[in-house]
Amino acid sequence: MKQTHPISNKNGIHKAELRNNIILYSVDRLKRFGFIHVNEKNIFEDEVYKTFFFRILLEKLGDDQELDALIKKMILEIES
């Protein structure tokens, strides 16, 4: 069974781990969409991957204040 990457901080996981989980979750989703070459690095660099990653992040806004702050930082990273 494939491991999921939780992107909720209800268990109080460290921010770096939470950030990594968000990235891994997003890479997994993009791969399921057919983007087989996406990875943890190029999801921030490739324009197509960044567009989909941005949308995935927006879907997760509103779940938790701490998570929202982290997602907003990641959005700024994508946009820069």
PDB file of N, CA and C in Angstrom:
ATOM      1  N   MET A   1       0.842  -1.192   0.000  1.00  0.00           N
ATOM      2  CA  MET A   1       0.000   0.000   0.000  1.00  0.00           C
ATOM      3  C   MET A   1       0.884   1.252   0.000  1.00  0.00           C
ATOM      4  N   LYS A   2       0.549   2.202  -0.825  1.00  0.00           N
ATOM      5  CA  LYS A   2       1.337   3.416  -0.961  1.00  0.00           C
ATOM      6  C   LYS A   2       1.143   4.316   0.257  1.00  0.00           C
ATOM      7  N   GLN A   3       2.239   4.860   0.760  1.00  0.00           N
ATOM      8  CA  GLN A   3       2.173   5.735   1.909  1.00  0.00           C
ATOM      9  C   GLN A   3       1.614   7.090   1.494  1.00  0.00           C
ATOM     10  N   THR A   4       0.721   7.618   2.316  1.00  0.00           N
ATOM     11  CA  THR A   4       0.190   8.951   2.050  1.00  0.00           C
ATOM     12  C   THR A   4       1.056   9.965   2.782  1.00  0.00           C
ATOM     13  N   HIS A   5       0.951  11.196   2.392  1.00  0.00           N
ATOM     14  CA  HIS A   5       1.726  12.270   2.994  1.00  0.00           C
ATOM     15  C   HIS A   5       0.743  13.251   3.622  1.00  0.00           C
ATOM     16  N   PRO A   6       0.485  13.089   4.927  1.00  0.00           N
ATOM     17  CA  PRO A   6      -0.499  13.962   5.571  1.00  0.00           C
ATOM     18  C   PRO A   6      -0.061  15.413   5.527  1.00  0.00           C
ATOM     19  N   ILE A   7      -0.990  16.275   5.229  1.00  0.00           N
ATOM     20  CA  ILE A   7      -0.644  17.694   5.206  1.00  0.00           C
ATOM     21  C   ILE A   7      -1.495  18.464   6.199  1.00  0.00           C
ATOM     22  N   SER A   8      -1.785  17.834   7.301  1.00  0.00           N
ATOM     23  CA  SER A   8      -2.470  18.475   8.401  1.00  0.00           C
ATOM     24  C   SER A   8      -1.505  18.529   9.577  1.00  0.00           C
ATOM     25  N   ASN A   9      -1.561  19.577  10.348  1.00  0.00           N
ATOM     26  CA  ASN A   9      -0.671  19.681  11.497  1.00  0.00           C
ATOM     27  C   ASN A   9      -1.409  19.407  12.794  1.00  0.00           C
ATOM     28  N   LYS A  10      -2.457  18.627  12.734  1.00  0.00           N
ATOM     29  CA  LYS A  10      -3.224  18.308  13.931  1.00  0.00           C
ATOM     30  C   LYS A  10      -2.407  17.471  14.921  1.00  0.00           C
ATOM     31  N   ASN A  11      -1.375  16.781  14.443  1.00  0.00           N
ATOM     32  CA  ASN A  11      -0.504  15.998  15.318  1.00  0.00           C
ATOM     33  C   ASN A  11       0.703  16.796  15.792  1.00  0.00           C
ATOM     34  N   GLY A  12       0.792  18.063  15.429  1.00  0.00           N
ATOM     35  CA  GLY A  12       1.862  18.934  15.886  1.00  0.00           C
ATOM     36  C   GLY A  12       3.236  18.591  15.347  1.00  0.00           C
ATOM     37  N   ILE A  13       3.308  18.191  14.078  1.00  0.00           N
ATOM     38  CA  ILE A  13       4.604  17.847  13.505  1.00  0.00           C
ATOM     39  C   ILE A  13       5.404  19.114  13.204  1.00  0.00           C
ATOM     40  N   HIS A  14       6.699  18.963  13.141  1.00  0.00           N
ATOM     41  CA  HIS A  14       7.614  20.073  12.895  1.00  0.00           C
ATOM     42  C   HIS A  14       7.322  20.712  11.537  1.00  0.00           C
ATOM     43  N   LYS A  15       7.511  22.028  11.430  1.00  0.00           N
ATOM     44  CA  LYS A  15       7.210  22.749  10.183  1.00  0.00           C
ATOM     45  C   LYS A  15       7.986  22.217   8.989  1.00  0.00           C
ATOM     46  N   ALA A  16       9.244  21.854   9.190  1.00  0.00           N
ATOM     47  CA  ALA A  16      10.040  21.335   8.073  1.00  0.00           C
ATOM     48  C   ALA A  16       9.446  20.020   7.575  1.00  0.00           C
ATOM     49  N   GLU A  17       9.012  19.182   8.488  1.00  0.00           N
ATOM     50  CA  GLU A  17       8.387  17.912   8.098  1.00  0.00           C
ATOM     51  C   GLU A  17       7.046  18.162   7.410  1.00  0.00           C
ATOM     52  N   LEU A  18       6.297  19.103   7.926  1.00  0.00           N
ATOM     53  CA  LEU A  18       5.015  19.446   7.321  1.00  0.00           C
ATOM     54  C   LEU A  18       5.224  19.985   5.904  1.00  0.00           C
ATOM     55  N   ARG A  19       6.210  20.849   5.737  1.00  0.00           N
ATOM     56  CA  ARG A  19       6.527  21.397   4.408  1.00  0.00           C
ATOM     57  C   ARG A  19       6.897  20.266   3.457  1.00  0.00           C
ATOM     58  N   ASN A  20       7.733  19.358   3.920  1.00  0.00           N
ATOM     59  CA  ASN A  20       8.137  18.219   3.103  1.00  0.00           C
ATOM     60  C   ASN A  20       6.926  17.362   2.734  1.00  0.00           C
ATOM     61  N   ASN A  21       6.018  17.150   3.674  1.00  0.00           N
ATOM     62  CA  ASN A  21       4.805  16.372   3.396  1.00  0.00           C
ATOM     63  C   ASN A  21       3.943  17.034   2.327  1.00  0.00           C
ATOM     64  N   ILE A  22       3.848  18.356   2.382  1.00  0.00           N
ATOM     65  CA  ILE A  22       3.079  19.092   1.374  1.00  0.00           C
ATOM     66  C   ILE A  22       3.705  18.894  -0.007  1.00  0.00           C
ATOM     67  N   ILE A  23       5.012  19.007  -0.077  1.00  0.00           N
ATOM     68  CA  ILE A  23       5.713  18.847  -1.353  1.00  0.00           C
ATOM     69  C   ILE A  23       5.534  17.423  -1.875  1.00  0.00           C
ATOM     70  N   LEU A  24       5.746  16.426  -1.021  1.00  0.00           N
ATOM     71  CA  LEU A  24       5.604  15.025  -1.446  1.00  0.00           C
ATOM     72  C   LEU A  24       4.183  14.710  -1.892  1.00  0.00           C
ATOM     73  N   TYR A  25       3.204  15.234  -1.166  1.00  0.00           N
ATOM     74  CA  TYR A  25       1.800  15.059  -1.538  1.00  0.00           C
ATOM     75  C   TYR A  25       1.539  15.664  -2.921  1.00  0.00           C
ATOM     76  N   SER A  26       2.072  16.854  -3.150  1.00  0.00           N
ATOM     77  CA  SER A  26       1.854  17.553  -4.420  1.00  0.00           C
ATOM     78  C   SER A  26       2.550  16.833  -5.572  1.00  0.00           C
ATOM     79  N   VAL A  27       3.770  16.363  -5.345  1.00  0.00           N
ATOM     80  CA  VAL A  27       4.485  15.594  -6.367  1.00  0.00           C
ATOM     81  C   VAL A  27       3.686  14.341  -6.710  1.00  0.00           C
ATOM     82  N   ASP A  28       3.193  13.661  -5.688  1.00  0.00           N
ATOM     83  CA  ASP A  28       2.391  12.453  -5.912  1.00  0.00           C
ATOM     84  C   ASP A  28       1.143  12.758  -6.738  1.00  0.00           C
ATOM     85  N   ARG A  29       0.469  13.846  -6.415  1.00  0.00           N
ATOM     86  CA  ARG A  29      -0.732  14.222  -7.191  1.00  0.00           C
ATOM     87  C   ARG A  29      -0.396  14.533  -8.632  1.00  0.00           C
ATOM     88  N   LEU A  30       0.684  15.264  -8.859  1.00  0.00           N
ATOM     89  CA  LEU A  30       1.071  15.588 -10.232  1.00  0.00           C
ATOM     90  C   LEU A  30       1.450  14.335 -11.011  1.00  0.00           C
ATOM     91  N   LYS A  31       2.108  13.405 -10.351  1.00  0.00           N
ATOM     92  CA  LYS A  31       2.447  12.148 -11.024  1.00  0.00           C
ATOM     93  C   LYS A  31       1.183  11.387 -11.408  1.00  0.00           C
ATOM     94  N   ARG A  32       0.178  11.431 -10.542  1.00  0.00           N
ATOM     95  CA  ARG A  32      -1.095  10.775 -10.875  1.00  0.00           C
ATOM     96  C   ARG A  32      -1.801  11.476 -12.028  1.00  0.00           C
ATOM     97  N   PHE A  33      -1.529  12.761 -12.230  1.00  0.00           N
ATOM     98  CA  PHE A  33      -2.075  13.503 -13.371  1.00  0.00           C
ATOM     99  C   PHE A  33      -1.332  13.171 -14.658  1.00  0.00           C
ATOM    100  N   GLY A  34      -0.198  12.459 -14.536  1.00  0.00           N
ATOM    101  CA  GLY A  34       0.559  12.072 -15.715  1.00  0.00           C
ATOM    102  C   GLY A  34       1.892  12.765 -15.882  1.00  0.00           C
ATOM    103  N   PHE A  35       2.252  13.630 -14.942  1.00  0.00           N
ATOM    104  CA  PHE A  35       3.537  14.330 -15.013  1.00  0.00           C
ATOM    105  C   PHE A  35       4.607  13.469 -14.334  1.00  0.00           C
ATOM    106  N   ILE A  36       5.094  12.463 -15.058  1.00  0.00           N
ATOM    107  CA  ILE A  36       5.956  11.451 -14.456  1.00  0.00           C
ATOM    108  C   ILE A  36       7.350  11.947 -14.091  1.00  0.00           C
ATOM    109  N   HIS A  37       7.758  13.092 -14.611  1.00  0.00           N
ATOM    110  CA  HIS A  37       9.103  13.597 -14.353  1.00  0.00           C
ATOM    111  C   HIS A  37       9.156  14.633 -13.236  1.00  0.00           C
ATOM    112  N   VAL A  38       8.024  14.929 -12.623  1.00  0.00           N
ATOM    113  CA  VAL A  38       8.010  15.909 -11.537  1.00  0.00           C
ATOM    114  C   VAL A  38       8.734  15.327 -10.324  1.00  0.00           C
ATOM    115  N   ASN A  39       9.437  16.220  -9.599  1.00  0.00           N
ATOM    116  CA  ASN A  39      10.095  15.807  -8.367  1.00  0.00           C
ATOM    117  C   ASN A  39      10.081  16.972  -7.376  1.00  0.00           C
ATOM    118  N   GLU A  40      10.677  16.742  -6.214  1.00  0.00           N
ATOM    119  CA  GLU A  40      10.640  17.730  -5.134  1.00  0.00           C
ATOM    120  C   GLU A  40      11.352  19.032  -5.492  1.00  0.00           C
ATOM    121  N   LYS A  41      12.268  18.983  -6.442  1.00  0.00           N
ATOM    122  CA  LYS A  41      12.991  20.190  -6.833  1.00  0.00           C
ATOM    123  C   LYS A  41      12.298  20.929  -7.975  1.00  0.00           C
ATOM    124  N   ASN A  42      11.988  20.188  -9.051  1.00  0.00           N
ATOM    125  CA  ASN A  42      11.468  20.889 -10.224  1.00  0.00           C
ATOM    126  C   ASN A  42      10.007  21.331 -10.079  1.00  0.00           C
ATOM    127  N   ILE A  43       9.339  20.903  -9.016  1.00  0.00           N
ATOM    128  CA  ILE A  43       7.967  21.380  -8.781  1.00  0.00           C
ATOM    129  C   ILE A  43       7.974  22.887  -8.482  1.00  0.00           C
ATOM    130  N   PHE A  44       9.142  23.402  -8.053  1.00  0.00           N
ATOM    131  CA  PHE A  44       9.299  24.833  -7.795  1.00  0.00           C
ATOM    132  C   PHE A  44       9.881  25.585  -8.982  1.00  0.00           C
ATOM    133  N   GLU A  45      10.322  24.856 -10.018  1.00  0.00           N
ATOM    134  CA  GLU A  45      11.047  25.491 -11.119  1.00  0.00           C
ATOM    135  C   GLU A  45      10.317  25.454 -12.458  1.00  0.00           C
ATOM    136  N   ASP A  46       9.723  24.338 -12.782  1.00  0.00           N
ATOM    137  CA  ASP A  46       9.034  24.169 -14.069  1.00  0.00           C
ATOM    138  C   ASP A  46       7.715  24.935 -14.049  1.00  0.00           C
ATOM    139  N   GLU A  47       7.480  25.742 -15.078  1.00  0.00           N
ATOM    140  CA  GLU A  47       6.279  26.590 -15.107  1.00  0.00           C
ATOM    141  C   GLU A  47       4.976  25.791 -15.050  1.00  0.00           C
ATOM    142  N   VAL A  48       4.909  24.676 -15.738  1.00  0.00           N
ATOM    143  CA  VAL A  48       3.689  23.855 -15.728  1.00  0.00           C
ATOM    144  C   VAL A  48       3.489  23.246 -14.349  1.00  0.00           C
ATOM    145  N   TYR A  49       4.544  22.668 -13.793  1.00  0.00           N
ATOM    146  CA  TYR A  49       4.445  22.057 -12.461  1.00  0.00           C
ATOM    147  C   TYR A  49       4.077  23.105 -11.412  1.00  0.00           C
ATOM    148  N   LYS A  50       4.697  24.282 -11.511  1.00  0.00           N
ATOM    149  CA  LYS A  50       4.414  25.355 -10.560  1.00  0.00           C
ATOM    150  C   LYS A  50       2.932  25.758 -10.600  1.00  0.00           C
ATOM    151  N   THR A  51       2.371  25.783 -11.790  1.00  0.00           N
ATOM    152  CA  THR A  51       0.961  26.161 -11.928  1.00  0.00           C
ATOM    153  C   THR A  51       0.058  25.173 -11.197  1.00  0.00           C
ATOM    154  N   PHE A  52       0.304  23.901 -11.416  1.00  0.00           N
ATOM    155  CA  PHE A  52      -0.503  22.880 -10.737  1.00  0.00           C
ATOM    156  C   PHE A  52      -0.233  22.864  -9.232  1.00  0.00           C
ATOM    157  N   PHE A  53       1.026  23.027  -8.846  1.00  0.00           N
ATOM    158  CA  PHE A  53       1.405  23.062  -7.439  1.00  0.00           C
ATOM    159  C   PHE A  53       0.689  24.217  -6.740  1.00  0.00           C
ATOM    160  N   PHE A  54       0.663  25.368  -7.378  1.00  0.00           N
ATOM    161  CA  PHE A  54      -0.028  26.540  -6.845  1.00  0.00           C
ATOM    162  C   PHE A  54      -1.495  26.224  -6.565  1.00  0.00           C
ATOM    163  N   ARG A  55      -2.141  25.555  -7.505  1.00  0.00           N
ATOM    164  CA  ARG A  55      -3.564  25.210  -7.347  1.00  0.00           C
ATOM    165  C   ARG A  55      -3.775  24.220  -6.205  1.00  0.00           C
ATOM    166  N   ILE A  56      -2.864  23.260  -6.075  1.00  0.00           N
ATOM    167  CA  ILE A  56      -2.949  22.293  -4.978  1.00  0.00           C
ATOM    168  C   ILE A  56      -2.825  23.024  -3.643  1.00  0.00           C
ATOM    169  N   LEU A  57      -1.886  23.950  -3.563  1.00  0.00           N
ATOM    170  CA  LEU A  57      -1.711  24.713  -2.326  1.00  0.00           C
ATOM    171  C   LEU A  57      -2.950  25.536  -1.996  1.00  0.00           C
ATOM    172  N   LEU A  58      -3.530  26.163  -3.003  1.00  0.00           N
ATOM    173  CA  LEU A  58      -4.739  26.956  -2.771  1.00  0.00           C
ATOM    174  C   LEU A  58      -5.886  26.098  -2.240  1.00  0.00           C
ATOM    175  N   GLU A  59      -5.984  24.857  -2.714  1.00  0.00           N
ATOM    176  CA  GLU A  59      -7.024  23.938  -2.233  1.00  0.00           C
ATOM    177  C   GLU A  59      -6.907  23.678  -0.739  1.00  0.00           C
ATOM    178  N   LYS A  60      -5.699  23.734  -0.213  1.00  0.00           N
ATOM    179  CA  LYS A  60      -5.447  23.402   1.184  1.00  0.00           C
ATOM    180  C   LYS A  60      -5.566  24.591   2.130  1.00  0.00           C
ATOM    181  N   LEU A  61      -5.663  25.785   1.603  1.00  0.00           N
ATOM    182  CA  LEU A  61      -5.832  26.961   2.463  1.00  0.00           C
ATOM    183  C   LEU A  61      -7.150  26.878   3.220  1.00  0.00           C
ATOM    184  N   GLY A  62      -7.115  27.290   4.485  1.00  0.00           N
ATOM    185  CA  GLY A  62      -8.326  27.320   5.288  1.00  0.00           C
ATOM    186  C   GLY A  62      -8.471  26.143   6.232  1.00  0.00           C
ATOM    187  N   ASP A  63      -7.573  25.166   6.133  1.00  0.00           N
ATOM    188  CA  ASP A  63      -7.655  23.992   7.007  1.00  0.00           C
ATOM    189  C   ASP A  63      -7.170  24.285   8.419  1.00  0.00           C
ATOM    190  N   ASP A  64      -6.153  25.135   8.549  1.00  0.00           N
ATOM    191  CA  ASP A  64      -5.480  25.335   9.831  1.00  0.00           C
ATOM    192  C   ASP A  64      -4.630  26.592   9.716  1.00  0.00           C
ATOM    193  N   GLN A  65      -4.609  27.436  10.751  1.00  0.00           N
ATOM    194  CA  GLN A  65      -3.876  28.707  10.682  1.00  0.00           C
ATOM    195  C   GLN A  65      -2.386  28.504  10.470  1.00  0.00           C
ATOM    196  N   GLU A  66      -1.783  27.565  11.199  1.00  0.00           N
ATOM    197  CA  GLU A  66      -0.346  27.320  11.055  1.00  0.00           C
ATOM    198  C   GLU A  66      -0.032  26.781   9.664  1.00  0.00           C
ATOM    199  N   LEU A  67      -0.885  25.887   9.188  1.00  0.00           N
ATOM    200  CA  LEU A  67      -0.725  25.335   7.844  1.00  0.00           C
ATOM    201  C   LEU A  67      -0.887  26.429   6.797  1.00  0.00           C
ATOM    202  N   ASP A  68      -1.862  27.300   7.002  1.00  0.00           N
ATOM    203  CA  ASP A  68      -2.087  28.411   6.067  1.00  0.00           C
ATOM    204  C   ASP A  68      -0.858  29.309   5.961  1.00  0.00           C
ATOM    205  N   ALA A  69      -0.217  29.594   7.086  1.00  0.00           N
ATOM    206  CA  ALA A  69       0.975  30.447   7.071  1.00  0.00           C
ATOM    207  C   ALA A  69       2.093  29.785   6.266  1.00  0.00           C
ATOM    208  N   LEU A  70       2.269  28.500   6.443  1.00  0.00           N
ATOM    209  CA  LEU A  70       3.289  27.762   5.704  1.00  0.00           C
ATOM    210  C   LEU A  70       2.962  27.730   4.211  1.00  0.00           C
ATOM    211  N   ILE A  71       1.701  27.488   3.881  1.00  0.00           N
ATOM    212  CA  ILE A  71       1.282  27.451   2.475  1.00  0.00           C
ATOM    213  C   ILE A  71       1.496  28.808   1.812  1.00  0.00           C
ATOM    214  N   LYS A  72       1.190  29.878   2.513  1.00  0.00           N
ATOM    215  CA  LYS A  72       1.387  31.216   1.950  1.00  0.00           C
ATOM    216  C   LYS A  72       2.865  31.482   1.667  1.00  0.00           C
ATOM    217  N   LYS A  73       3.755  30.996   2.542  1.00  0.00           N
ATOM    218  CA  LYS A  73       5.193  31.146   2.294  1.00  0.00           C
ATOM    219  C   LYS A  73       5.602  30.340   1.054  1.00  0.00           C
ATOM    220  N   MET A  74       5.047  29.172   0.911  1.00  0.00           N
ATOM    221  CA  MET A  74       5.375  28.329  -0.251  1.00  0.00           C
ATOM    222  C   MET A  74       4.858  28.963  -1.532  1.00  0.00           C
ATOM    223  N   ILE A  75       3.696  29.585  -1.467  1.00  0.00           N
ATOM    224  CA  ILE A  75       3.149  30.291  -2.638  1.00  0.00           C
ATOM    225  C   ILE A  75       4.087  31.418  -3.052  1.00  0.00           C
ATOM    226  N   LEU A  76       4.585  32.171  -2.066  1.00  0.00           N
ATOM    227  CA  LEU A  76       5.529  33.245  -2.377  1.00  0.00           C
ATOM    228  C   LEU A  76       6.808  32.683  -2.999  1.00  0.00           C
ATOM    229  N   GLU A  77       7.234  31.527  -2.533  1.00  0.00           N
ATOM    230  CA  GLU A  77       8.418  30.881  -3.101  1.00  0.00           C
ATOM    231  C   GLU A  77       8.187  30.493  -4.559  1.00  0.00           C
ATOM    232  N   ILE A  78       7.003  30.002  -4.858  1.00  0.00           N
ATOM    233  CA  ILE A  78       6.657  29.625  -6.234  1.00  0.00           C
ATOM    234  C   ILE A  78       6.634  30.859  -7.133  1.00  0.00           C
ATOM    235  N   GLU A  79       6.073  31.938  -6.615  1.00  0.00           N
ATOM    236  CA  GLU A  79       5.904  33.157  -7.423  1.00  0.00           C
ATOM    237  C   GLU A  79       7.198  33.920  -7.646  1.00  0.00           C
ATOM    238  N   SER A  80       8.225  33.653  -6.848  1.00  0.00           N
ATOM    239  CA  SER A  80       9.472  34.421  -7.000  1.00  0.00           C
ATOM    240  C   SER A  80      10.390  33.824  -8.048  1.00  0.00           C
TER     241      SER A  80
END
